[in-house]
Amino acid sequence: MVLQDLLRVEHLDRAERALGRSISCRLCEEVLYFIDKNVDETSKTLETGIGVSTILFALKGAHHTCVTPHQ
């Protein structure tokens, strides 16, 4: 899976959110493309929350840490 595939899946999920299901507060596409271009398996990353960017960090092979209140 590449970033374009991830964004396509995310766009399909928007219809379900419009029906009152879960909501994604994902980063804008420009930031996701920045991550895609600049992060690799040597990167050490940290973010708050779990979402689309988390999946992208995993796809890039980064050593990634998420801080979330649900853990």
PDB file of N, CA and C in Angstrom:
ATOM      1  N   MET A   1       0.853  -1.183   0.000  1.00  0.00           N
ATOM      2  CA  MET A   1       0.000   0.000   0.000  1.00  0.00           C
ATOM      3  C   MET A   1       0.892   1.238   0.000  1.00  0.00           C
ATOM      4  N   VAL A   2       0.519   2.208  -0.793  1.00  0.00           N
ATOM      5  CA  VAL A   2       1.222   3.491  -0.842  1.00  0.00           C
ATOM      6  C   VAL A   2       0.273   4.584  -0.367  1.00  0.00           C
ATOM      7  N   LEU A   3       0.798   5.783  -0.209  1.00  0.00           N
ATOM      8  CA  LEU A   3      -0.004   6.884   0.324  1.00  0.00           C
ATOM      9  C   LEU A   3      -1.277   7.107  -0.485  1.00  0.00           C
ATOM     10  N   GLN A   4      -1.195   7.041  -1.806  1.00  0.00           N
ATOM     11  CA  GLN A   4      -2.392   7.266  -2.634  1.00  0.00           C
ATOM     12  C   GLN A   4      -3.478   6.239  -2.316  1.00  0.00           C
ATOM     13  N   ASP A   5      -3.092   4.986  -2.068  1.00  0.00           N
ATOM     14  CA  ASP A   5      -4.065   3.955  -1.694  1.00  0.00           C
ATOM     15  C   ASP A   5      -4.694   4.275  -0.343  1.00  0.00           C
ATOM     16  N   LEU A   6      -3.869   4.708   0.598  1.00  0.00           N
ATOM     17  CA  LEU A   6      -4.357   5.058   1.930  1.00  0.00           C
ATOM     18  C   LEU A   6      -5.350   6.213   1.861  1.00  0.00           C
ATOM     19  N   LEU A   7      -5.047   7.227   1.069  1.00  0.00           N
ATOM     20  CA  LEU A   7      -5.950   8.372   0.928  1.00  0.00           C
ATOM     21  C   LEU A   7      -7.253   7.966   0.251  1.00  0.00           C
ATOM     22  N   ARG A   8      -7.187   7.067  -0.715  1.00  0.00           N
ATOM     23  CA  ARG A   8      -8.395   6.605  -1.401  1.00  0.00           C
ATOM     24  C   ARG A   8      -9.319   5.882  -0.418  1.00  0.00           C
ATOM     25  N   VAL A   9      -8.760   5.017   0.420  1.00  0.00           N
ATOM     26  CA  VAL A   9      -9.548   4.319   1.438  1.00  0.00           C
ATOM     27  C   VAL A   9     -10.157   5.324   2.400  1.00  0.00           C
ATOM     28  N   GLU A  10      -9.376   6.317   2.806  1.00  0.00           N
ATOM     29  CA  GLU A  10      -9.864   7.346   3.728  1.00  0.00           C
ATOM     30  C   GLU A  10     -11.022   8.121   3.121  1.00  0.00           C
ATOM     31  N   HIS A  11     -10.951   8.441   1.838  1.00  0.00           N
ATOM     32  CA  HIS A  11     -12.043   9.170   1.194  1.00  0.00           C
ATOM     33  C   HIS A  11     -13.313   8.325   1.151  1.00  0.00           C
ATOM     34  N   LEU A  12     -13.182   7.028   0.958  1.00  0.00           N
ATOM     35  CA  LEU A  12     -14.350   6.153   0.960  1.00  0.00           C
ATOM     36  C   LEU A  12     -15.007   6.124   2.334  1.00  0.00           C
ATOM     37  N   ASP A  13     -14.199   6.217   3.381  1.00  0.00           N
ATOM     38  CA  ASP A  13     -14.728   6.190   4.743  1.00  0.00           C
ATOM     39  C   ASP A  13     -15.486   7.463   5.110  1.00  0.00           C
ATOM     40  N   ARG A  14     -15.277   8.542   4.387  1.00  0.00           N
ATOM     41  CA  ARG A  14     -15.960   9.806   4.704  1.00  0.00           C
ATOM     42  C   ARG A  14     -17.479   9.667   4.622  1.00  0.00           C
ATOM     43  N   ALA A  15     -17.968   8.869   3.702  1.00  0.00           N
ATOM     44  CA  ALA A  15     -19.415   8.672   3.574  1.00  0.00           C
ATOM     45  C   ALA A  15     -19.983   8.057   4.842  1.00  0.00           C
ATOM     46  N   GLU A  16     -19.274   7.106   5.429  1.00  0.00           N
ATOM     47  CA  GLU A  16     -19.743   6.495   6.666  1.00  0.00           C
ATOM     48  C   GLU A  16     -19.741   7.497   7.812  1.00  0.00           C
ATOM     49  N   ARG A  17     -18.735   8.361   7.873  1.00  0.00           N
ATOM     50  CA  ARG A  17     -18.698   9.375   8.934  1.00  0.00           C
ATOM     51  C   ARG A  17     -19.858  10.347   8.796  1.00  0.00           C
ATOM     52  N   ALA A  18     -20.260  10.620   7.569  1.00  0.00           N
ATOM     53  CA  ALA A  18     -21.391  11.519   7.349  1.00  0.00           C
ATOM     54  C   ALA A  18     -22.677  10.916   7.896  1.00  0.00           C
ATOM     55  N   LEU A  19     -22.701   9.606   8.042  1.00  0.00           N
ATOM     56  CA  LEU A  19     -23.879   8.929   8.580  1.00  0.00           C
ATOM     57  C   LEU A  19     -23.833   8.811  10.102  1.00  0.00           C
ATOM     58  N   GLY A  20     -22.877   9.480  10.737  1.00  0.00           N
ATOM     59  CA  GLY A  20     -22.828   9.490  12.194  1.00  0.00           C
ATOM     60  C   GLY A  20     -21.887   8.474  12.799  1.00  0.00           C
ATOM     61  N   ARG A  21     -21.082   7.845  11.996  1.00  0.00           N
ATOM     62  CA  ARG A  21     -20.117   6.883  12.519  1.00  0.00           C
ATOM     63  C   ARG A  21     -18.843   7.615  12.936  1.00  0.00           C
ATOM     64  N   SER A  22     -17.794   6.882  13.250  1.00  0.00           N
ATOM     65  CA  SER A  22     -16.568   7.488  13.778  1.00  0.00           C
ATOM     66  C   SER A  22     -16.003   8.571  12.860  1.00  0.00           C
ATOM     67  N   ILE A  23     -15.294   9.506  13.465  1.00  0.00           N
ATOM     68  CA  ILE A  23     -14.757  10.658  12.741  1.00  0.00           C
ATOM     69  C   ILE A  23     -13.233  10.627  12.801  1.00  0.00           C
ATOM     70  N   SER A  24     -12.604  10.917  11.683  1.00  0.00           N
ATOM     71  CA  SER A  24     -11.150  11.011  11.611  1.00  0.00           C
ATOM     72  C   SER A  24     -10.750  12.482  11.560  1.00  0.00           C
ATOM     73  N   CYS A  25      -9.856  12.871  12.432  1.00  0.00           N
ATOM     74  CA  CYS A  25      -9.307  14.233  12.408  1.00  0.00           C
ATOM     75  C   CYS A  25      -7.917  14.166  11.800  1.00  0.00           C
ATOM     76  N   ARG A  26      -7.842  13.612  10.619  1.00  0.00           N
ATOM     77  CA  ARG A  26      -6.540  13.344  10.008  1.00  0.00           C
ATOM     78  C   ARG A  26      -5.836  14.616   9.571  1.00  0.00           C
ATOM     79  N   LEU A  27      -4.555  14.470   9.367  1.00  0.00           N
ATOM     80  CA  LEU A  27      -3.740  15.569   8.860  1.00  0.00           C
ATOM     81  C   LEU A  27      -4.147  15.898   7.433  1.00  0.00           C
ATOM     82  N   CYS A  28      -3.868  17.115   7.004  1.00  0.00           N
ATOM     83  CA  CYS A  28      -4.164  17.485   5.620  1.00  0.00           C
ATOM     84  C   CYS A  28      -3.232  16.703   4.689  1.00  0.00           C
ATOM     85  N   GLU A  29      -3.640  16.571   3.434  1.00  0.00           N
ATOM     86  CA  GLU A  29      -2.875  15.773   2.481  1.00  0.00           C
ATOM     87  C   GLU A  29      -1.455  16.290   2.294  1.00  0.00           C
ATOM     88  N   GLU A  30      -1.249  17.609   2.364  1.00  0.00           N
ATOM     89  CA  GLU A  30       0.091  18.165   2.203  1.00  0.00           C
ATOM     90  C   GLU A  30       1.042  17.635   3.274  1.00  0.00           C
ATOM     91  N   VAL A  31       0.562  17.543   4.508  1.00  0.00           N
ATOM     92  CA  VAL A  31       1.397  17.035   5.599  1.00  0.00           C
ATOM     93  C   VAL A  31       1.652  15.541   5.417  1.00  0.00           C
ATOM     94  N   LEU A  32       0.629  14.801   5.006  1.00  0.00           N
ATOM     95  CA  LEU A  32       0.818  13.372   4.765  1.00  0.00           C
ATOM     96  C   LEU A  32       1.834  13.129   3.651  1.00  0.00           C
ATOM     97  N   TYR A  33       1.794  13.935   2.595  1.00  0.00           N
ATOM     98  CA  TYR A  33       2.790  13.811   1.525  1.00  0.00           C
ATOM     99  C   TYR A  33       4.187  14.185   2.027  1.00  0.00           C
ATOM    100  N   PHE A  34       4.282  15.167   2.940  1.00  0.00           N
ATOM    101  CA  PHE A  34       5.573  15.525   3.532  1.00  0.00           C
ATOM    102  C   PHE A  34       6.140  14.336   4.305  1.00  0.00           C
ATOM    103  N   ILE A  35       5.297  13.704   5.121  1.00  0.00           N
ATOM    104  CA  ILE A  35       5.723  12.519   5.875  1.00  0.00           C
ATOM    105  C   ILE A  35       6.169  11.427   4.907  1.00  0.00           C
ATOM    106  N   ASP A  36       5.376  11.194   3.879  1.00  0.00           N
ATOM    107  CA  ASP A  36       5.684  10.155   2.901  1.00  0.00           C
ATOM    108  C   ASP A  36       7.045  10.386   2.251  1.00  0.00           C
ATOM    109  N   LYS A  37       7.363  11.629   1.975  1.00  0.00           N
ATOM    110  CA  LYS A  37       8.620  11.971   1.293  1.00  0.00           C
ATOM    111  C   LYS A  37       9.823  11.947   2.232  1.00  0.00           C
ATOM    112  N   ASN A  38       9.624  12.277   3.513  1.00  0.00           N
ATOM    113  CA  ASN A  38      10.751  12.510   4.412  1.00  0.00           C
ATOM    114  C   ASN A  38      10.984  11.457   5.486  1.00  0.00           C
ATOM    115  N   VAL A  39      10.045  10.560   5.696  1.00  0.00           N
ATOM    116  CA  VAL A  39      10.188   9.543   6.743  1.00  0.00           C
ATOM    117  C   VAL A  39      10.577   8.215   6.093  1.00  0.00           C
ATOM    118  N   ASP A  40      11.508   7.503   6.754  1.00  0.00           N
ATOM    119  CA  ASP A  40      11.882   6.173   6.279  1.00  0.00           C
ATOM    120  C   ASP A  40      12.160   5.275   7.481  1.00  0.00           C
ATOM    121  N   GLU A  41      12.743   4.110   7.221  1.00  0.00           N
ATOM    122  CA  GLU A  41      12.960   3.129   8.289  1.00  0.00           C
ATOM    123  C   GLU A  41      14.002   3.580   9.310  1.00  0.00           C
ATOM    124  N   THR A  42      14.740   4.640   9.041  1.00  0.00           N
ATOM    125  CA  THR A  42      15.703   5.156  10.024  1.00  0.00           C
ATOM    126  C   THR A  42      15.097   6.250  10.908  1.00  0.00           C
ATOM    127  N   SER A  43      13.871   6.642  10.637  1.00  0.00           N
ATOM    128  CA  SER A  43      13.217   7.738  11.371  1.00  0.00           C
ATOM    129  C   SER A  43      12.683   7.263  12.719  1.00  0.00           C
ATOM    130  N   LYS A  44      12.780   8.140  13.712  1.00  0.00           N
ATOM    131  CA  LYS A  44      12.161   7.928  15.023  1.00  0.00           C
ATOM    132  C   LYS A  44      11.119   9.014  15.175  1.00  0.00           C
ATOM    133  N   THR A  45       9.853   8.621  15.277  1.00  0.00           N
ATOM    134  CA  THR A  45       8.753   9.586  15.240  1.00  0.00           C
ATOM    135  C   THR A  45       7.863   9.452  16.467  1.00  0.00           C
ATOM    136  N   LEU A  46       7.178  10.546  16.782  1.00  0.00           N
ATOM    137  CA  LEU A  46       6.273  10.616  17.925  1.00  0.00           C
ATOM    138  C   LEU A  46       5.056  11.423  17.507  1.00  0.00           C
ATOM    139  N   GLU A  47       3.874  10.947  17.868  1.00  0.00           N
ATOM    140  CA  GLU A  47       2.656  11.705  17.587  1.00  0.00           C
ATOM    141  C   GLU A  47       1.646  11.499  18.702  1.00  0.00           C
ATOM    142  N   THR A  48       0.684  12.399  18.771  1.00  0.00           N
ATOM    143  CA  THR A  48      -0.449  12.224  19.673  1.00  0.00           C
ATOM    144  C   THR A  48      -1.624  11.739  18.844  1.00  0.00           C
ATOM    145  N   GLY A  49      -2.333  10.759  19.363  1.00  0.00           N
ATOM    146  CA  GLY A  49      -3.465  10.197  18.645  1.00  0.00           C
ATOM    147  C   GLY A  49      -3.054   9.024  17.772  1.00  0.00           C
ATOM    148  N   ILE A  50      -4.073   8.360  17.252  1.00  0.00           N
ATOM    149  CA  ILE A  50      -3.867   7.206  16.376  1.00  0.00           C
ATOM    150  C   ILE A  50      -4.799   7.372  15.194  1.00  0.00           C
ATOM    151  N   GLY A  51      -4.236   7.365  14.001  1.00  0.00           N
ATOM    152  CA  GLY A  51      -5.082   7.534  12.824  1.00  0.00           C
ATOM    153  C   GLY A  51      -4.340   7.272  11.532  1.00  0.00           C
ATOM    154  N   VAL A  52      -4.699   8.028  10.523  1.00  0.00           N
ATOM    155  CA  VAL A  52      -4.135   7.847   9.190  1.00  0.00           C
ATOM    156  C   VAL A  52      -2.622   8.035   9.209  1.00  0.00           C
ATOM    157  N   SER A  53      -2.139   9.043   9.913  1.00  0.00           N
ATOM    158  CA  SER A  53      -0.688   9.263   9.966  1.00  0.00           C
ATOM    159  C   SER A  53       0.021   8.082  10.623  1.00  0.00           C
ATOM    160  N   THR A  54      -0.598   7.466  11.614  1.00  0.00           N
ATOM    161  CA  THR A  54      -0.013   6.296  12.263  1.00  0.00           C
ATOM    162  C   THR A  54       0.184   5.169  11.258  1.00  0.00           C
ATOM    163  N   ILE A  55      -0.814   4.961  10.426  1.00  0.00           N
ATOM    164  CA  ILE A  55      -0.711   3.931   9.386  1.00  0.00           C
ATOM    165  C   ILE A  55       0.419   4.281   8.430  1.00  0.00           C
ATOM    166  N   LEU A  56       0.508   5.544   8.050  1.00  0.00           N
ATOM    167  CA  LEU A  56       1.561   5.967   7.132  1.00  0.00           C
ATOM    168  C   LEU A  56       2.945   5.770   7.750  1.00  0.00           C
ATOM    169  N   PHE A  57       3.122   6.139   9.030  1.00  0.00           N
ATOM    170  CA  PHE A  57       4.409   5.919   9.689  1.00  0.00           C
ATOM    171  C   PHE A  57       4.765   4.428   9.676  1.00  0.00           C
ATOM    172  N   ALA A  58       3.784   3.567   9.904  1.00  0.00           N
ATOM    173  CA  ALA A  58       4.030   2.122   9.865  1.00  0.00           C
ATOM    174  C   ALA A  58       4.417   1.669   8.463  1.00  0.00           C
ATOM    175  N   LEU A  59       3.721   2.169   7.455  1.00  0.00           N
ATOM    176  CA  LEU A  59       4.051   1.815   6.074  1.00  0.00           C
ATOM    177  C   LEU A  59       5.470   2.232   5.703  1.00  0.00           C
ATOM    178  N   LYS A  60       5.917   3.350   6.259  1.00  0.00           N
ATOM    179  CA  LYS A  60       7.262   3.852   5.968  1.00  0.00           C
ATOM    180  C   LYS A  60       8.335   3.106   6.760  1.00  0.00           C
ATOM    181  N   GLY A  61       7.934   2.313   7.747  1.00  0.00           N
ATOM    182  CA  GLY A  61       8.882   1.534   8.536  1.00  0.00           C
ATOM    183  C   GLY A  61       9.556   2.307   9.651  1.00  0.00           C
ATOM    184  N   ALA A  62       9.002   3.449  10.025  1.00  0.00           N
ATOM    185  CA  ALA A  62       9.594   4.273  11.084  1.00  0.00           C
ATOM    186  C   ALA A  62       9.453   3.596  12.447  1.00  0.00           C
ATOM    187  N   HIS A  63      10.394   3.908  13.348  1.00  0.00           N
ATOM    188  CA  HIS A  63      10.249   3.513  14.752  1.00  0.00           C
ATOM    189  C   HIS A  63       9.328   4.566  15.359  1.00  0.00           C
ATOM    190  N   HIS A  64       8.047   4.215  15.524  1.00  0.00           N
ATOM    191  CA  HIS A  64       7.012   5.206  15.802  1.00  0.00           C
ATOM    192  C   HIS A  64       6.381   4.989  17.169  1.00  0.00           C
ATOM    193  N   THR A  65       6.162   6.085  17.890  1.00  0.00           N
ATOM    194  CA  THR A  65       5.493   6.053  19.185  1.00  0.00           C
ATOM    195  C   THR A  65       4.250   6.924  19.124  1.00  0.00           C
ATOM    196  N   CYS A  66       3.124   6.375  19.604  1.00  0.00           N
ATOM    197  CA  CYS A  66       1.856   7.122  19.682  1.00  0.00           C
ATOM    198  C   CYS A  66       1.521   7.370  21.145  1.00  0.00           C
ATOM    199  N   VAL A  67       1.086   8.574  21.447  1.00  0.00           N
ATOM    200  CA  VAL A  67       0.591   8.909  22.773  1.00  0.00           C
ATOM    201  C   VAL A  67      -0.910   9.102  22.630  1.00  0.00           C
ATOM    202  N   THR A  68      -1.671   8.264  23.327  1.00  0.00           N
ATOM    203  CA  THR A  68      -3.119   8.332  23.220  1.00  0.00           C
ATOM    204  C   THR A  68      -3.757   8.103  24.584  1.00  0.00           C
ATOM    205  N   PRO A  69      -4.845   8.796  24.883  1.00  0.00           N
ATOM    206  CA  PRO A  69      -5.487   8.620  26.185  1.00  0.00           C
ATOM    207  C   PRO A  69      -6.217   7.284  26.313  1.00  0.00           C
ATOM    208  N   HIS A  70      -6.325   6.534  25.232  1.00  0.00           N
ATOM    209  CA  HIS A  70      -7.090   5.290  25.255  1.00  0.00           C
ATOM    210  C   HIS A  70      -6.241   4.076  25.601  1.00  0.00           C
ATOM    211  N   GLN A  71      -4.987   4.277  25.978  1.00  0.00           N
ATOM    212  CA  GLN A  71      -4.126   3.137  26.323  1.00  0.00           C
ATOM    213  C   GLN A  71      -3.924   3.054  27.807  1.00  0.00           C
TER     214      GLN A  71
END
